[in-house]
Protein backbone atom coordinates (compact mmCIF):
# COMPACT_ATOMS: atom_id res chain seq x y z
CA UNK A 1 -5.18 -144.77 -338.38
CA UNK A 2 -8.22 -147.03 -338.15
CA UNK A 3 -11.39 -145.44 -339.30
CA UNK A 4 -15.01 -145.48 -337.89
CA UNK A 5 -18.39 -144.92 -339.41
CA UNK A 6 -22.01 -144.29 -338.20
CA UNK A 7 -24.59 -146.20 -340.07
CA UNK A 8 -28.25 -147.28 -340.06
CA UNK A 9 -28.16 -151.08 -340.64
CA UNK A 10 -30.82 -152.25 -343.01
CA UNK A 11 -33.29 -155.10 -342.27
CA UNK A 12 -32.00 -158.60 -343.46
CA UNK A 13 -33.07 -158.74 -347.17
CA UNK A 14 -31.34 -161.61 -348.60
CA UNK A 15 -31.27 -160.28 -352.26
CA UNK A 16 -29.66 -157.05 -351.02
CA UNK A 17 -27.03 -158.78 -348.97
CA UNK A 18 -26.33 -161.25 -351.76
CA UNK A 19 -25.92 -158.43 -354.32
CA UNK A 20 -23.79 -156.33 -351.97
CA UNK A 21 -21.49 -159.33 -351.34
CA UNK A 22 -20.86 -159.70 -354.98
CA UNK A 23 -20.93 -156.07 -356.14
CA UNK A 24 -20.01 -153.72 -353.21
CA UNK A 25 -16.39 -153.28 -352.14
CA UNK A 26 -17.26 -152.55 -348.44
CA UNK A 27 -19.25 -155.65 -348.00
CA UNK A 28 -16.23 -157.71 -348.67
CA UNK A 29 -14.67 -155.95 -345.67
CA UNK A 30 -17.72 -156.93 -343.38
CA UNK A 31 -19.83 -153.77 -343.85
CA UNK A 32 -23.52 -154.76 -343.60
CA UNK A 33 -26.33 -153.39 -345.87
CA UNK A 34 -26.68 -149.82 -344.56
CA UNK A 35 -27.32 -146.15 -345.03
CA UNK A 36 -24.52 -144.05 -343.99
CA UNK A 37 -25.08 -141.35 -341.28
CA UNK A 38 -21.53 -140.22 -341.11
CA UNK A 39 -18.13 -141.32 -342.56
CA UNK A 40 -15.63 -140.94 -341.61
CA UNK A 41 -16.32 -140.50 -337.86
CA UNK A 42 -13.59 -140.48 -335.35
CA UNK A 43 -10.47 -142.62 -335.50
CA UNK A 44 -11.04 -145.89 -333.65
CA UNK A 45 -8.34 -145.25 -331.11
CA UNK A 46 -9.85 -141.81 -330.09
CA UNK A 47 -13.31 -143.10 -329.29
CA UNK A 48 -13.40 -142.63 -325.66
CA UNK A 49 -16.27 -143.04 -323.27
CA UNK A 50 -16.81 -139.35 -323.24
CA UNK A 51 -17.10 -139.58 -327.10
CA UNK A 52 -19.58 -142.37 -326.66
CA UNK A 53 -21.55 -140.27 -324.16
CA UNK A 54 -21.57 -137.28 -326.60
CA UNK A 55 -22.64 -139.56 -329.52
CA UNK A 56 -25.46 -141.07 -327.41
CA UNK A 57 -26.73 -137.72 -326.55
CA UNK A 58 -26.71 -136.41 -330.19
CA UNK A 59 -28.36 -139.57 -331.58
CA UNK A 60 -31.02 -139.48 -328.72
CA UNK A 61 -32.07 -136.02 -329.90
CA UNK A 62 -33.52 -137.58 -333.04
CA UNK A 63 -36.67 -139.34 -332.84
CA UNK A 64 -37.29 -142.85 -334.18
CA UNK A 65 -38.59 -142.93 -337.76
CA UNK A 66 -39.67 -145.27 -340.51
CA UNK A 67 -38.34 -145.35 -344.12
CA UNK A 68 -39.02 -146.89 -347.36
CA UNK A 69 -36.18 -147.55 -350.17
CA UNK A 70 -38.36 -147.46 -353.34
CA UNK A 71 -36.27 -146.91 -356.18
CA UNK A 72 -32.83 -147.36 -357.65
CA UNK A 73 -30.51 -144.40 -358.68
CA UNK A 74 -27.02 -144.02 -359.90
CA UNK A 75 -23.95 -141.94 -358.97
CA UNK A 76 -22.59 -141.45 -362.46
CA UNK A 77 -22.58 -144.94 -364.00
CA UNK A 78 -20.45 -146.92 -361.63
CA UNK A 79 -22.46 -146.77 -358.28
CA UNK A 80 -26.09 -148.28 -358.02
CA UNK A 81 -27.98 -147.33 -354.96
CA UNK A 82 -31.32 -147.40 -353.33
CA UNK A 83 -33.07 -144.11 -352.36
CA UNK A 84 -35.38 -143.41 -349.51
CA UNK A 85 -38.64 -141.83 -350.31
CA UNK A 86 -38.07 -139.20 -347.60
CA UNK A 87 -34.28 -138.38 -347.13
CA UNK A 88 -35.01 -135.73 -344.49
CA UNK A 89 -34.80 -137.81 -341.21
CA UNK A 90 -31.60 -139.20 -342.34
CA UNK A 91 -30.22 -135.58 -342.98
CA UNK A 92 -31.52 -134.33 -339.64
CA UNK A 93 -29.77 -137.29 -337.92
CA UNK A 94 -26.58 -136.45 -339.78
CA UNK A 95 -26.85 -132.81 -338.81
CA UNK A 96 -27.44 -133.59 -335.26
CA UNK A 97 -24.13 -135.59 -335.05
CA UNK A 98 -22.25 -133.22 -336.98
CA UNK A 99 -23.14 -130.47 -334.78
CA UNK A 100 -22.01 -132.39 -331.84
CA UNK A 101 -18.73 -133.25 -333.72
CA UNK A 102 -18.03 -130.29 -335.90
CA UNK A 103 -14.67 -131.55 -337.10
CA UNK A 104 -16.34 -134.74 -338.49
CA UNK A 105 -17.71 -133.68 -341.82
CA UNK A 106 -19.48 -136.19 -344.06
CA UNK A 107 -17.06 -137.62 -346.55
CA UNK A 108 -14.51 -135.10 -345.20
CA UNK A 109 -16.40 -132.28 -347.03
CA UNK A 110 -15.77 -133.63 -350.44
CA UNK A 111 -19.35 -133.22 -351.66
CA UNK A 112 -21.59 -130.18 -351.63
CA UNK A 113 -24.45 -132.07 -349.77
CA UNK A 114 -25.17 -135.46 -348.39
CA UNK A 115 -27.43 -137.86 -350.23
CA UNK A 116 -28.85 -140.61 -348.02
CA UNK A 117 -28.56 -143.96 -349.82
CA UNK A 118 -27.94 -147.52 -349.68
CA UNK A 119 -25.30 -148.79 -352.02
CA UNK A 120 -26.03 -152.00 -353.79
CA UNK A 121 -22.93 -152.05 -356.05
CA UNK A 122 -19.90 -150.07 -356.95
CA UNK A 123 -17.17 -152.54 -358.08
CA UNK A 124 -18.44 -154.02 -361.44
CA UNK A 125 -18.95 -153.09 -364.89
CA UNK A 126 -22.00 -151.01 -365.92
CA UNK A 127 -23.56 -154.00 -367.67
CA UNK A 128 -23.08 -156.14 -364.37
CA UNK A 129 -24.60 -153.37 -362.30
CA UNK A 130 -27.64 -152.98 -364.66
CA UNK A 131 -28.11 -156.60 -364.11
CA UNK A 132 -27.94 -156.10 -360.20
CA UNK A 133 -30.39 -153.31 -360.73
CA UNK A 134 -32.97 -155.50 -362.34
CA UNK A 135 -32.52 -158.14 -359.48
CA UNK A 136 -32.80 -155.57 -356.64
CA UNK A 137 -35.86 -154.07 -358.11
CA UNK A 138 -37.74 -157.28 -357.61
CA UNK A 139 -37.60 -156.91 -353.87
CA UNK A 140 -38.41 -153.15 -353.55
CA UNK A 141 -39.61 -151.50 -351.50
CA UNK A 142 -37.51 -152.22 -348.55
CA UNK A 143 -38.96 -150.80 -345.45
CA UNK A 144 -37.69 -150.35 -341.86
CA UNK A 145 -37.48 -148.44 -338.75
CA UNK A 146 -34.59 -146.36 -337.66
CA UNK A 147 -34.21 -146.79 -333.84
CA UNK A 148 -30.50 -146.89 -333.45
CA UNK A 149 -27.30 -146.04 -335.15
CA UNK A 150 -24.63 -148.32 -335.33
CA UNK A 151 -20.87 -147.58 -334.77
CA UNK A 152 -18.64 -149.60 -337.14
CA UNK A 153 -14.93 -149.73 -336.48
CA UNK A 154 -12.21 -150.86 -338.84
CA UNK A 155 -10.13 -153.56 -337.36
CA UNK A 156 -6.25 -153.91 -337.73
CA UNK A 157 -7.04 -156.65 -340.25
CA UNK A 158 -9.02 -154.20 -342.40
CA UNK A 159 -12.37 -155.89 -341.45
CA UNK A 160 -15.31 -153.68 -340.21
CA UNK A 161 -17.12 -154.67 -337.13
CA UNK A 162 -20.02 -153.17 -335.06
CA UNK A 163 -18.65 -151.37 -331.97
CA UNK A 164 -21.90 -150.58 -330.36
CA UNK A 165 -25.30 -148.96 -331.08
CA UNK A 166 -26.82 -145.84 -329.82
CA UNK A 167 -30.77 -145.60 -329.58
CA UNK A 168 -32.79 -142.64 -331.05
CA UNK A 169 -35.52 -141.04 -329.01
CA UNK A 170 -38.20 -143.62 -328.64
CA UNK A 171 -41.70 -142.74 -329.65
CA UNK A 172 -44.16 -141.41 -327.21
CA UNK A 173 -46.45 -144.03 -325.79
């Protein structure tokens, strides 16, 4: 069964992309720098036009927002990640989608809560990840606007590719 994910793609920051290519498992499969909104989503073969319409409506219920990734943090001593200063808009977006798709629990319900984050590295030694932490710290903060959610789909070859994007509610003019 091929999987799918809903993510916020991060702006092109060369240092982050380079570090992920070297230190993050999912980057080697084509996953771009991102903050996960919901993984896993629905099996790729089950994503119908109706699912896309429901997803579009759920995403559109959330307003466009800005974020700042300002500091590094760790899950245990083997996952280096970047933290947004305000995780609430990400959590509200995840909640809106899980309310529309109640069988899709973040990380299959494996954790007590969701922590919005951008993984820098998860596949090297602690010493190597500490070096990556020093390097990524030189480009912080990373700032951006969340205006859409990207659907990533796992291909039969194991590579992940964009399978469309869904806009959030545009700001009032």
